[in-house]
Amino acid sequence: GYQIDSAPNRGYLLIDRPDRLYAGELAGDRTCIGRQILCLETVDSTN
């Protein structure tokens, strides 16, 4: 569902994002929490 434009000699450009949980959207320069991220479609309980 991500809208990504592309053109020769220009490359790829992220235009729009759906309401999804992807690790690539959540990355950041953090000290501890969130240095590793696991995104699941379904789980019994995240805890």
ModelCIF file with pLDDT and N, C-alpha, C, O atoms, coordinates in Angstrom:
data_MODEL
#
_entry.id   MODEL 
#
_entity.id                         1 
_entity.type                       polymer 
_entity.pdbx_number_of_molecules   1 
#
_entity_poly.entity_id                      1 
_entity_poly.type                           'polypeptide(L)' 
_entity_poly.nstd_linkage                   no 
_entity_poly.nstd_monomer                   no 
_entity_poly.pdbx_seq_one_letter_code       GYQIDSAPNRGYLLIDRPDRLYAGELAGDRTCIGRQILCLETVDSTN 
_entity_poly.pdbx_seq_one_letter_code_can   GYQIDSAPNRGYLLIDRPDRLYAGELAGDRTCIGRQILCLETVDSTN 
_entity_poly.pdbx_strand_id                 A 
#
loop_
_entity_poly_seq.entity_id 
_entity_poly_seq.num 
_entity_poly_seq.mon_id 
_entity_poly_seq.hetero 
1 1  GLY n 
1 2  TYR n 
1 3  GLN n 
1 4  ILE n 
1 5  ASP n 
1 6  SER n 
1 7  ALA n 
1 8  PRO n 
1 9  ASN n 
1 10 ARG n 
1 11 GLY n 
1 12 TYR n 
1 13 LEU n 
1 14 LEU n 
1 15 ILE n 
1 16 ASP n 
1 17 ARG n 
1 18 PRO n 
1 19 ASP n 
1 20 ARG n 
1 21 LEU n 
1 22 TYR n 
1 23 ALA n 
1 24 GLY n 
1 25 GLU n 
1 26 LEU n 
1 27 ALA n 
1 28 GLY n 
1 29 ASP n 
1 30 ARG n 
1 31 THR n 
1 32 CYS n 
1 33 ILE n 
1 34 GLY n 
1 35 ARG n 
1 36 GLN n 
1 37 ILE n 
1 38 LEU n 
1 39 CYS n 
1 40 LEU n 
1 41 GLU n 
1 42 THR n 
1 43 VAL n 
1 44 ASP n 
1 45 SER n 
1 46 THR n 
1 47 ASN n 
#
_struct_asym.id          A 
_struct_asym.entity_id   1 
#
loop_
_ma_qa_metric.id 
_ma_qa_metric.mode 
_ma_qa_metric.name 
_ma_qa_metric.software_group_id 
_ma_qa_metric.type 
1 global pLDDT . pLDDT 
2 local  pLDDT . pLDDT 
#
_ma_qa_metric_global.metric_id      1 
_ma_qa_metric_global.metric_value   93.17 
_ma_qa_metric_global.model_id       1 
_ma_qa_metric_global.ordinal_id     1 
#
loop_
_ma_qa_metric_local.label_asym_id 
_ma_qa_metric_local.label_comp_id 
_ma_qa_metric_local.label_seq_id 
_ma_qa_metric_local.metric_id 
_ma_qa_metric_local.metric_value 
_ma_qa_metric_local.model_id 
_ma_qa_metric_local.ordinal_id 
A GLY 1  2 92.00 1 1  
A TYR 2  2 93.00 1 2  
A GLN 3  2 96.00 1 3  
A ILE 4  2 96.00 1 4  
A ASP 5  2 96.00 1 5  
A SER 6  2 92.00 1 6  
A ALA 7  2 84.00 1 7  
A PRO 8  2 84.00 1 8  
A ASN 9  2 82.00 1 9  
A ARG 10 2 87.00 1 10 
A GLY 11 2 93.00 1 11 
A TYR 12 2 96.00 1 12 
A LEU 13 2 96.00 1 13 
A LEU 14 2 95.00 1 14 
A ILE 15 2 95.00 1 15 
A ASP 16 2 94.00 1 16 
A ARG 17 2 92.00 1 17 
A PRO 18 2 91.00 1 18 
A ASP 19 2 90.00 1 19 
A ARG 20 2 90.00 1 20 
A LEU 21 2 92.00 1 21 
A TYR 22 2 89.00 1 22 
A ALA 23 2 91.00 1 23 
A GLY 24 2 88.00 1 24 
A GLU 25 2 91.00 1 25 
A LEU 26 2 94.00 1 26 
A ALA 27 2 88.00 1 27 
A GLY 28 2 88.00 1 28 
A ASP 29 2 90.00 1 29 
A ARG 30 2 95.00 1 30 
A THR 31 2 96.00 1 31 
A CYS 32 2 98.00 1 32 
A ILE 33 2 98.00 1 33 
A GLY 34 2 97.00 1 34 
A ARG 35 2 95.00 1 35 
A GLN 36 2 96.00 1 36 
A ILE 37 2 96.00 1 37 
A LEU 38 2 97.00 1 38 
A CYS 39 2 96.00 1 39 
A LEU 40 2 96.00 1 40 
A GLU 41 2 95.00 1 41 
A THR 42 2 96.00 1 42 
A VAL 43 2 97.00 1 43 
A ASP 44 2 96.00 1 44 
A SER 45 2 96.00 1 45 
A THR 46 2 97.00 1 46 
A ASN 47 2 97.00 1 47 
#
loop_
_atom_site.group_PDB 
_atom_site.id 
_atom_site.type_symbol 
_atom_site.label_atom_id 
_atom_site.label_alt_id 
_atom_site.label_comp_id 
_atom_site.label_asym_id 
_atom_site.label_entity_id 
_atom_site.label_seq_id 
_atom_site.pdbx_PDB_ins_code 
_atom_site.Cartn_x 
_atom_site.Cartn_y 
_atom_site.Cartn_z 
_atom_site.occupancy 
_atom_site.B_iso_or_equiv 
_atom_site.pdbx_formal_charge 
_atom_site.auth_seq_id 
_atom_site.auth_comp_id 
_atom_site.auth_asym_id 
_atom_site.auth_atom_id 
_atom_site.pdbx_PDB_model_num 
ATOM 1   N N  . GLY A 1 1  ? 0.775  -1.227  0.000   1.00 92.00 ? 1  GLY A N  1 
ATOM 2   C CA . GLY A 1 1  ? 0.000  0.000   0.000   1.00 92.00 ? 1  GLY A CA 1 
ATOM 3   C C  . GLY A 1 1  ? 0.811  1.284   0.000   1.00 92.00 ? 1  GLY A C  1 
ATOM 4   O O  . GLY A 1 1  ? 0.234  2.371   0.016   1.00 92.00 ? 1  GLY A O  1 
ATOM 5   N N  . TYR A 1 2  ? 2.140  1.185   -0.018  1.00 93.00 ? 2  TYR A N  1 
ATOM 6   C CA . TYR A 1 2  ? 2.978  2.389   -0.047  1.00 93.00 ? 2  TYR A CA 1 
ATOM 7   C C  . TYR A 1 2  ? 3.028  2.924   -1.483  1.00 93.00 ? 2  TYR A C  1 
ATOM 8   O O  . TYR A 1 2  ? 3.239  2.165   -2.429  1.00 93.00 ? 2  TYR A O  1 
ATOM 9   N N  . GLN A 1 3  ? 2.836  4.219   -1.631  1.00 96.00 ? 3  GLN A N  1 
ATOM 10  C CA . GLN A 1 3  ? 2.887  4.853   -2.940  1.00 96.00 ? 3  GLN A CA 1 
ATOM 11  C C  . GLN A 1 3  ? 4.297  5.380   -3.163  1.00 96.00 ? 3  GLN A C  1 
ATOM 12  O O  . GLN A 1 3  ? 4.739  6.318   -2.500  1.00 96.00 ? 3  GLN A O  1 
ATOM 13  N N  . ILE A 1 4  ? 4.989  4.762   -4.105  1.00 96.00 ? 4  ILE A N  1 
ATOM 14  C CA . ILE A 1 4  ? 6.385  5.105   -4.379  1.00 96.00 ? 4  ILE A CA 1 
ATOM 15  C C  . ILE A 1 4  ? 6.514  5.460   -5.855  1.00 96.00 ? 4  ILE A C  1 
ATOM 16  O O  . ILE A 1 4  ? 6.256  4.636   -6.733  1.00 96.00 ? 4  ILE A O  1 
ATOM 17  N N  . ASP A 1 5  ? 6.913  6.691   -6.109  1.00 96.00 ? 5  ASP A N  1 
ATOM 18  C CA . ASP A 1 5  ? 7.095  7.163   -7.481  1.00 96.00 ? 5  ASP A CA 1 
ATOM 19  C C  . ASP A 1 5  ? 8.501  6.794   -7.943  1.00 96.00 ? 5  ASP A C  1 
ATOM 20  O O  . ASP A 1 5  ? 9.427  6.674   -7.141  1.00 96.00 ? 5  ASP A O  1 
ATOM 21  N N  . SER A 1 6  ? 8.638  6.616   -9.267  1.00 92.00 ? 6  SER A N  1 
ATOM 22  C CA . SER A 1 6  ? 9.961  6.308   -9.814  1.00 92.00 ? 6  SER A CA 1 
ATOM 23  C C  . SER A 1 6  ? 10.080 6.934   -11.191 1.00 92.00 ? 6  SER A C  1 
ATOM 24  O O  . SER A 1 6  ? 9.103  7.042   -11.933 1.00 92.00 ? 6  SER A O  1 
ATOM 25  N N  . ALA A 1 7  ? 11.289 7.342   -11.513 1.00 84.00 ? 7  ALA A N  1 
ATOM 26  C CA . ALA A 1 7  ? 11.545 7.939   -12.819 1.00 84.00 ? 7  ALA A CA 1 
ATOM 27  C C  . ALA A 1 7  ? 13.006 7.705   -13.182 1.00 84.00 ? 7  ALA A C  1 
ATOM 28  O O  . ALA A 1 7  ? 13.873 7.730   -12.308 1.00 84.00 ? 7  ALA A O  1 
ATOM 29  N N  . PRO A 1 8  ? 13.294 7.472   -14.493 1.00 84.00 ? 8  PRO A N  1 
ATOM 30  C CA . PRO A 1 8  ? 14.684 7.256   -14.913 1.00 84.00 ? 8  PRO A CA 1 
ATOM 31  C C  . PRO A 1 8  ? 15.572 8.430   -14.510 1.00 84.00 ? 8  PRO A C  1 
ATOM 32  O O  . PRO A 1 8  ? 15.185 9.593   -14.621 1.00 84.00 ? 8  PRO A O  1 
ATOM 33  N N  . ASN A 1 9  ? 16.750 8.100   -14.049 1.00 82.00 ? 9  ASN A N  1 
ATOM 34  C CA . ASN A 1 9  ? 17.774 9.076   -13.666 1.00 82.00 ? 9  ASN A CA 1 
ATOM 35  C C  . ASN A 1 9  ? 17.407 9.906   -12.433 1.00 82.00 ? 9  ASN A C  1 
ATOM 36  O O  . ASN A 1 9  ? 18.134 10.828  -12.062 1.00 82.00 ? 9  ASN A O  1 
ATOM 37  N N  . ARG A 1 10 ? 16.258 9.570   -11.789 1.00 87.00 ? 10 ARG A N  1 
ATOM 38  C CA . ARG A 1 10 ? 15.872 10.292  -10.582 1.00 87.00 ? 10 ARG A CA 1 
ATOM 39  C C  . ARG A 1 10 ? 15.806 9.369   -9.372  1.00 87.00 ? 10 ARG A C  1 
ATOM 40  O O  . ARG A 1 10 ? 16.178 9.750   -8.262  1.00 87.00 ? 10 ARG A O  1 
ATOM 41  N N  . GLY A 1 11 ? 15.338 8.177   -9.599  1.00 93.00 ? 11 GLY A N  1 
ATOM 42  C CA . GLY A 1 11 ? 15.252 7.222   -8.508  1.00 93.00 ? 11 GLY A CA 1 
ATOM 43  C C  . GLY A 1 11 ? 13.843 7.090   -7.965  1.00 93.00 ? 11 GLY A C  1 
ATOM 44  O O  . GLY A 1 11 ? 12.867 7.369   -8.661  1.00 93.00 ? 11 GLY A O  1 
ATOM 45  N N  . TYR A 1 12 ? 13.747 6.665   -6.728  1.00 96.00 ? 12 TYR A N  1 
ATOM 46  C CA . TYR A 1 12 ? 12.461 6.379   -6.092  1.00 96.00 ? 12 TYR A CA 1 
ATOM 47  C C  . TYR A 1 12 ? 12.149 7.452   -5.047  1.00 96.00 ? 12 TYR A C  1 
ATOM 48  O O  . TYR A 1 12 ? 13.029 7.942   -4.338  1.00 96.00 ? 12 TYR A O  1 
ATOM 49  N N  . LEU A 1 13 ? 10.861 7.796   -4.983  1.00 96.00 ? 13 LEU A N  1 
ATOM 50  C CA . LEU A 1 13 ? 10.427 8.812   -4.022  1.00 96.00 ? 13 LEU A CA 1 
ATOM 51  C C  . LEU A 1 13 ? 9.174  8.311   -3.310  1.00 96.00 ? 13 LEU A C  1 
ATOM 52  O O  . LEU A 1 13 ? 8.203  7.913   -3.953  1.00 96.00 ? 13 LEU A O  1 
ATOM 53  N N  . LEU A 1 14 ? 9.204  8.334   -1.992  1.00 95.00 ? 14 LEU A N  1 
ATOM 54  C CA . LEU A 1 14 ? 8.057  7.924   -1.185  1.00 95.00 ? 14 LEU A CA 1 
ATOM 55  C C  . LEU A 1 14 ? 7.012  9.034   -1.204  1.00 95.00 ? 14 LEU A C  1 
ATOM 56  O O  . LEU A 1 14 ? 7.266  10.142  -0.731  1.00 95.00 ? 14 LEU A O  1 
ATOM 57  N N  . ILE A 1 15 ? 5.824  8.731   -1.757  1.00 95.00 ? 15 ILE A N  1 
ATOM 58  C CA . ILE A 1 15 ? 4.769  9.730   -1.924  1.00 95.00 ? 15 ILE A CA 1 
ATOM 59  C C  . ILE A 1 15 ? 3.753  9.664   -0.787  1.00 95.00 ? 15 ILE A C  1 
ATOM 60  O O  . ILE A 1 15 ? 3.382  10.691  -0.220  1.00 95.00 ? 15 ILE A O  1 
ATOM 61  N N  . ASP A 1 16 ? 3.308  8.458   -0.455  1.00 94.00 ? 16 ASP A N  1 
ATOM 62  C CA . ASP A 1 16 ? 2.252  8.311   0.557   1.00 94.00 ? 16 ASP A CA 1 
ATOM 63  C C  . ASP A 1 16 ? 2.438  6.988   1.289   1.00 94.00 ? 16 ASP A C  1 
ATOM 64  O O  . ASP A 1 16 ? 2.979  6.027   0.741   1.00 94.00 ? 16 ASP A O  1 
ATOM 65  N N  . ARG A 1 17 ? 1.976  6.958   2.548   1.00 92.00 ? 17 ARG A N  1 
ATOM 66  C CA . ARG A 1 17 ? 2.141  5.767   3.386   1.00 92.00 ? 17 ARG A CA 1 
ATOM 67  C C  . ARG A 1 17 ? 0.798  5.322   3.947   1.00 92.00 ? 17 ARG A C  1 
ATOM 68  O O  . ARG A 1 17 ? 0.009  6.155   4.393   1.00 92.00 ? 17 ARG A O  1 
ATOM 69  N N  . PRO A 1 18 ? 0.532  4.031   3.930   1.00 91.00 ? 18 PRO A N  1 
ATOM 70  C CA . PRO A 1 18 ? -0.698 3.525   4.539   1.00 91.00 ? 18 PRO A CA 1 
ATOM 71  C C  . PRO A 1 18 ? -0.550 3.454   6.051   1.00 91.00 ? 18 PRO A C  1 
ATOM 72  O O  . PRO A 1 18 ? 0.531  3.690   6.590   1.00 91.00 ? 18 PRO A O  1 
ATOM 73  N N  . ASP A 1 19 ? -1.630 3.131   6.721   1.00 90.00 ? 19 ASP A N  1 
ATOM 74  C CA . ASP A 1 19 ? -1.600 2.993   8.185   1.00 90.00 ? 19 ASP A CA 1 
ATOM 75  C C  . ASP A 1 19 ? -1.164 1.584   8.542   1.00 90.00 ? 19 ASP A C  1 
ATOM 76  O O  . ASP A 1 19 ? -1.975 0.748   8.939   1.00 90.00 ? 19 ASP A O  1 
ATOM 77  N N  . ARG A 1 20 ? 0.115  1.337   8.396   1.00 90.00 ? 20 ARG A N  1 
ATOM 78  C CA . ARG A 1 20 ? 0.684  0.018   8.693   1.00 90.00 ? 20 ARG A CA 1 
ATOM 79  C C  . ARG A 1 20 ? 1.874  0.178   9.628   1.00 90.00 ? 20 ARG A C  1 
ATOM 80  O O  . ARG A 1 20 ? 2.483  1.245   9.708   1.00 90.00 ? 20 ARG A O  1 
ATOM 81  N N  . LEU A 1 21 ? 2.190  -0.891  10.324  1.00 92.00 ? 21 LEU A N  1 
ATOM 82  C CA . LEU A 1 21 ? 3.340  -0.892  11.225  1.00 92.00 ? 21 LEU A CA 1 
ATOM 83  C C  . LEU A 1 21 ? 4.494  -1.648  10.564  1.00 92.00 ? 21 LEU A C  1 
ATOM 84  O O  . LEU A 1 21 ? 4.495  -2.878  10.503  1.00 92.00 ? 21 LEU A O  1 
ATOM 85  N N  . TYR A 1 22 ? 5.464  -0.896  10.075  1.00 89.00 ? 22 TYR A N  1 
ATOM 86  C CA . TYR A 1 22 ? 6.661  -1.454  9.465   1.00 89.00 ? 22 TYR A CA 1 
ATOM 87  C C  . TYR A 1 22 ? 7.873  -0.990  10.258  1.00 89.00 ? 22 TYR A C  1 
ATOM 88  O O  . TYR A 1 22 ? 7.960  0.168   10.664  1.00 89.00 ? 22 TYR A O  1 
ATOM 89  N N  . ALA A 1 23 ? 8.810  -1.912  10.473  1.00 91.00 ? 23 ALA A N  1 
ATOM 90  C CA . ALA A 1 23 ? 10.005 -1.555  11.240  1.00 91.00 ? 23 ALA A CA 1 
ATOM 91  C C  . ALA A 1 23 ? 10.751 -0.390  10.599  1.00 91.00 ? 23 ALA A C  1 
ATOM 92  O O  . ALA A 1 23 ? 11.347 0.429   11.297  1.00 91.00 ? 23 ALA A O  1 
ATOM 93  N N  . GLY A 1 24 ? 10.718 -0.317  9.265   1.00 88.00 ? 24 GLY A N  1 
ATOM 94  C CA . GLY A 1 24 ? 11.419 0.756   8.568   1.00 88.00 ? 24 GLY A CA 1 
ATOM 95  C C  . GLY A 1 24 ? 10.878 2.133   8.886   1.00 88.00 ? 24 GLY A C  1 
ATOM 96  O O  . GLY A 1 24 ? 11.602 3.119   8.755   1.00 88.00 ? 24 GLY A O  1 
ATOM 97  N N  . GLU A 1 25 ? 9.618  2.229   9.303   1.00 91.00 ? 25 GLU A N  1 
ATOM 98  C CA . GLU A 1 25 ? 9.034  3.525   9.675   1.00 91.00 ? 25 GLU A CA 1 
ATOM 99  C C  . GLU A 1 25 ? 9.380  3.911   11.099  1.00 91.00 ? 25 GLU A C  1 
ATOM 100 O O  . GLU A 1 25 ? 9.252  5.076   11.475  1.00 91.00 ? 25 GLU A O  1 
ATOM 101 N N  . LEU A 1 26 ? 9.817  2.945   11.896  1.00 94.00 ? 26 LEU A N  1 
ATOM 102 C CA . LEU A 1 26 ? 9.972  3.174   13.326  1.00 94.00 ? 26 LEU A CA 1 
ATOM 103 C C  . LEU A 1 26 ? 11.421 3.288   13.766  1.00 94.00 ? 26 LEU A C  1 
ATOM 104 O O  . LEU A 1 26 ? 11.699 3.461   14.953  1.00 94.00 ? 26 LEU A O  1 
ATOM 105 N N  . ALA A 1 27 ? 12.345 3.192   12.820  1.00 88.00 ? 27 ALA A N  1 
ATOM 106 C CA . ALA A 1 27 ? 13.763 3.257   13.176  1.00 88.00 ? 27 ALA A CA 1 
ATOM 107 C C  . ALA A 1 27 ? 14.115 4.643   13.690  1.00 88.00 ? 27 ALA A C  1 
ATOM 108 O O  . ALA A 1 27 ? 13.500 5.637   13.303  1.00 88.00 ? 27 ALA A O  1 
ATOM 109 N N  . GLY A 1 28 ? 15.109 4.698   14.562  1.00 88.00 ? 28 GLY A N  1 
ATOM 110 C CA . GLY A 1 28 ? 15.551 5.973   15.108  1.00 88.00 ? 28 GLY A CA 1 
ATOM 111 C C  . GLY A 1 28 ? 16.858 5.810   15.851  1.00 88.00 ? 28 GLY A C  1 
ATOM 112 O O  . GLY A 1 28 ? 17.278 4.693   16.154  1.00 88.00 ? 28 GLY A O  1 
ATOM 113 N N  . ASP A 1 29 ? 17.494 6.920   16.142  1.00 90.00 ? 29 ASP A N  1 
ATOM 114 C CA . ASP A 1 29 ? 18.759 6.928   16.873  1.00 90.00 ? 29 ASP A CA 1 
ATOM 115 C C  . ASP A 1 29 ? 18.449 6.918   18.363  1.00 90.00 ? 29 ASP A C  1 
ATOM 116 O O  . ASP A 1 29 ? 18.333 7.977   18.980  1.00 90.00 ? 29 ASP A O  1 
ATOM 117 N N  . ARG A 1 30 ? 18.312 5.720   18.950  1.00 95.00 ? 30 ARG A N  1 
ATOM 118 C CA . ARG A 1 30 ? 17.898 5.585   20.339  1.00 95.00 ? 30 ARG A CA 1 
ATOM 119 C C  . ARG A 1 30 ? 18.995 4.920   21.170  1.00 95.00 ? 30 ARG A C  1 
ATOM 120 O O  . ARG A 1 30 ? 19.860 4.216   20.650  1.00 95.00 ? 30 ARG A O  1 
ATOM 121 N N  . THR A 1 31 ? 18.927 5.167   22.472  1.00 96.00 ? 31 THR A N  1 
ATOM 122 C CA . THR A 1 31 ? 19.912 4.607   23.388  1.00 96.00 ? 31 THR A CA 1 
ATOM 123 C C  . THR A 1 31 ? 19.676 3.127   23.639  1.00 96.00 ? 31 THR A C  1 
ATOM 124 O O  . THR A 1 31 ? 20.626 2.345   23.681  1.00 96.00 ? 31 THR A O  1 
ATOM 125 N N  . CYS A 1 32 ? 18.411 2.733   23.807  1.00 98.00 ? 32 CYS A N  1 
ATOM 126 C CA . CYS A 1 32 ? 18.110 1.341   24.148  1.00 98.00 ? 32 CYS A CA 1 
ATOM 127 C C  . CYS A 1 32 ? 16.806 0.867   23.521  1.00 98.00 ? 32 CYS A C  1 
ATOM 128 O O  . CYS A 1 32 ? 16.815 0.004   22.643  1.00 98.00 ? 32 CYS A O  1 
ATOM 129 N N  . ILE A 1 33 ? 15.702 1.421   23.961  1.00 98.00 ? 33 ILE A N  1 
ATOM 130 C CA . ILE A 1 33 ? 14.395 0.915   23.535  1.00 98.00 ? 33 ILE A CA 1 
ATOM 131 C C  . ILE A 1 33 ? 14.152 1.229   22.064  1.00 98.00 ? 33 ILE A C  1 
ATOM 132 O O  . ILE A 1 33 ? 14.252 2.378   21.632  1.00 98.00 ? 33 ILE A O  1 
ATOM 133 N N  . GLY A 1 34 ? 13.831 0.184   21.304  1.00 97.00 ? 34 GLY A N  1 
ATOM 134 C CA . GLY A 1 34 ? 13.557 0.351   19.887  1.00 97.00 ? 34 GLY A CA 1 
ATOM 135 C C  . GLY A 1 34 ? 14.762 0.248   18.988  1.00 97.00 ? 34 GLY A C  1 
ATOM 136 O O  . GLY A 1 34 ? 14.664 0.533   17.794  1.00 97.00 ? 34 GLY A O  1 
ATOM 137 N N  . ARG A 1 35 ? 15.908 -0.156  19.533  1.00 95.00 ? 35 ARG A N  1 
ATOM 138 C CA . ARG A 1 35 ? 17.048 -0.397  18.656  1.00 95.00 ? 35 ARG A CA 1 
ATOM 139 C C  . ARG A 1 35 ? 16.778 -1.608  17.772  1.00 95.00 ? 35 ARG A C  1 
ATOM 140 O O  . ARG A 1 35 ? 17.240 -1.680  16.633  1.00 95.00 ? 35 ARG A O  1 
ATOM 141 N N  . GLN A 1 36 ? 16.018 -2.566  18.321  1.00 96.00 ? 36 GLN A N  1 
ATOM 142 C CA . GLN A 1 36 ? 15.523 -3.706  17.551  1.00 96.00 ? 36 GLN A CA 1 
ATOM 143 C C  . GLN A 1 36 ? 14.000 -3.682  17.604  1.00 96.00 ? 36 GLN A C  1 
ATOM 144 O O  . GLN A 1 36 ? 13.410 -3.468  18.662  1.00 96.00 ? 36 GLN A O  1 
ATOM 145 N N  . ILE A 1 37 ? 13.374 -3.903  16.456  1.00 96.00 ? 37 ILE A N  1 
ATOM 146 C CA . ILE A 1 37 ? 11.923 -3.805  16.358  1.00 96.00 ? 37 ILE A CA 1 
ATOM 147 C C  . ILE A 1 37 ? 11.375 -5.031  15.647  1.00 96.00 ? 37 ILE A C  1 
ATOM 148 O O  . ILE A 1 37 ? 11.886 -5.438  14.603  1.00 96.00 ? 37 ILE A O  1 
ATOM 149 N N  . LEU A 1 38 ? 10.338 -5.610  16.215  1.00 97.00 ? 38 LEU A N  1 
ATOM 150 C CA . LEU A 1 38 ? 9.657  -6.758  15.627  1.00 97.00 ? 38 LEU A CA 1 
ATOM 151 C C  . LEU A 1 38 ? 8.202  -6.376  15.406  1.00 97.00 ? 38 LEU A C  1 
ATOM 152 O O  . LEU A 1 38 ? 7.468  -6.123  16.362  1.00 97.00 ? 38 LEU A O  1 
ATOM 153 N N  . CYS A 1 39 ? 7.782  -6.334  14.136  1.00 96.00 ? 39 CYS A N  1 
ATOM 154 C CA . CYS A 1 39 ? 6.401  -6.001  13.794  1.00 96.00 ? 39 CYS A CA 1 
ATOM 155 C C  . CYS A 1 39 ? 5.691  -7.255  13.306  1.00 96.00 ? 39 CYS A C  1 
ATOM 156 O O  . CYS A 1 39 ? 6.159  -7.922  12.382  1.00 96.00 ? 39 CYS A O  1 
ATOM 157 N N  . LEU A 1 40 ? 4.566  -7.571  13.926  1.00 96.00 ? 40 LEU A N  1 
ATOM 158 C CA . LEU A 1 40 ? 3.827  -8.788  13.628  1.00 96.00 ? 40 LEU A CA 1 
ATOM 159 C C  . LEU A 1 40 ? 2.427  -8.445  13.148  1.00 96.00 ? 40 LEU A C  1 
ATOM 160 O O  . LEU A 1 40 ? 1.841  -7.455  13.585  1.00 96.00 ? 40 LEU A O  1 
ATOM 161 N N  . GLU A 1 41 ? 1.891  -9.263  12.249  1.00 95.00 ? 41 GLU A N  1 
ATOM 162 C CA . GLU A 1 41 ? 0.508  -9.081  11.822  1.00 95.00 ? 41 GLU A CA 1 
ATOM 163 C C  . GLU A 1 41 ? -0.441 -9.473  12.950  1.00 95.00 ? 41 GLU A C  1 
ATOM 164 O O  . GLU A 1 41 ? -1.346 -8.718  13.304  1.00 95.00 ? 41 GLU A O  1 
ATOM 165 N N  . THR A 1 42 ? -0.223 -10.669 13.512  1.00 96.00 ? 42 THR A N  1 
ATOM 166 C CA . THR A 1 42 ? -1.087 -11.194 14.563  1.00 96.00 ? 42 THR A CA 1 
ATOM 167 C C  . THR A 1 42 ? -0.238 -11.888 15.620  1.00 96.00 ? 42 THR A C  1 
ATOM 168 O O  . THR A 1 42 ? 0.739  -12.568 15.303  1.00 96.00 ? 42 THR A O  1 
ATOM 169 N N  . VAL A 1 43 ? -0.620 -11.708 16.873  1.00 97.00 ? 43 VAL A N  1 
ATOM 170 C CA . VAL A 1 43 ? 0.061  -12.390 17.972  1.00 97.00 ? 43 VAL A CA 1 
ATOM 171 C C  . VAL A 1 43 ? -0.956 -12.599 19.083  1.00 97.00 ? 43 VAL A C  1 
ATOM 172 O O  . VAL A 1 43 ? -1.948 -11.875 19.171  1.00 97.00 ? 43 VAL A O  1 
ATOM 173 N N  . ASP A 1 44 ? -0.708 -13.591 19.930  1.00 96.00 ? 44 ASP A N  1 
ATOM 174 C CA . ASP A 1 44 ? -1.630 -13.768 21.044  1.00 96.00 ? 44 ASP A CA 1 
ATOM 175 C C  . ASP A 1 44 ? -1.602 -12.543 21.950  1.00 96.00 ? 44 ASP A C  1 
ATOM 176 O O  . ASP A 1 44 ? -2.647 -11.998 22.305  1.00 96.00 ? 44 ASP A O  1 
ATOM 177 N N  . SER A 1 45 ? -0.403 -12.117 22.319  1.00 96.00 ? 45 SER A N  1 
ATOM 178 C CA . SER A 1 45 ? -0.202 -10.944 23.161  1.00 96.00 ? 45 SER A CA 1 
ATOM 179 C C  . SER A 1 45 ? 1.222  -10.467 22.960  1.00 96.00 ? 45 SER A C  1 
ATOM 180 O O  . SER A 1 45 ? 2.151  -11.274 22.975  1.00 96.00 ? 45 SER A O  1 
ATOM 181 N N  . THR A 1 46 ? 1.410  -9.178  22.774  1.00 97.00 ? 46 THR A N  1 
ATOM 182 C CA . THR A 1 46 ? 2.774  -8.673  22.621  1.00 97.00 ? 46 THR A CA 1 
ATOM 183 C C  . THR A 1 46 ? 3.579  -8.897  23.900  1.00 97.00 ? 46 THR A C  1 
ATOM 184 O O  . THR A 1 46 ? 4.792  -9.097  23.836  1.00 97.00 ? 46 THR A O  1 
ATOM 185 N N  . ASN A 1 47 ? 2.919  -8.864  25.066  1.00 97.00 ? 47 ASN A N  1 
ATOM 186 C CA . ASN A 1 47 ? 3.635  -9.159  26.308  1.00 97.00 ? 47 ASN A CA 1 
ATOM 187 C C  . ASN A 1 47 ? 4.070  -10.616 26.357  1.00 97.00 ? 47 ASN A C  1 
ATOM 188 O O  . ASN A 1 47 ? 4.688  -11.043 27.332  1.00 97.00 ? 47 ASN A O  1 
#
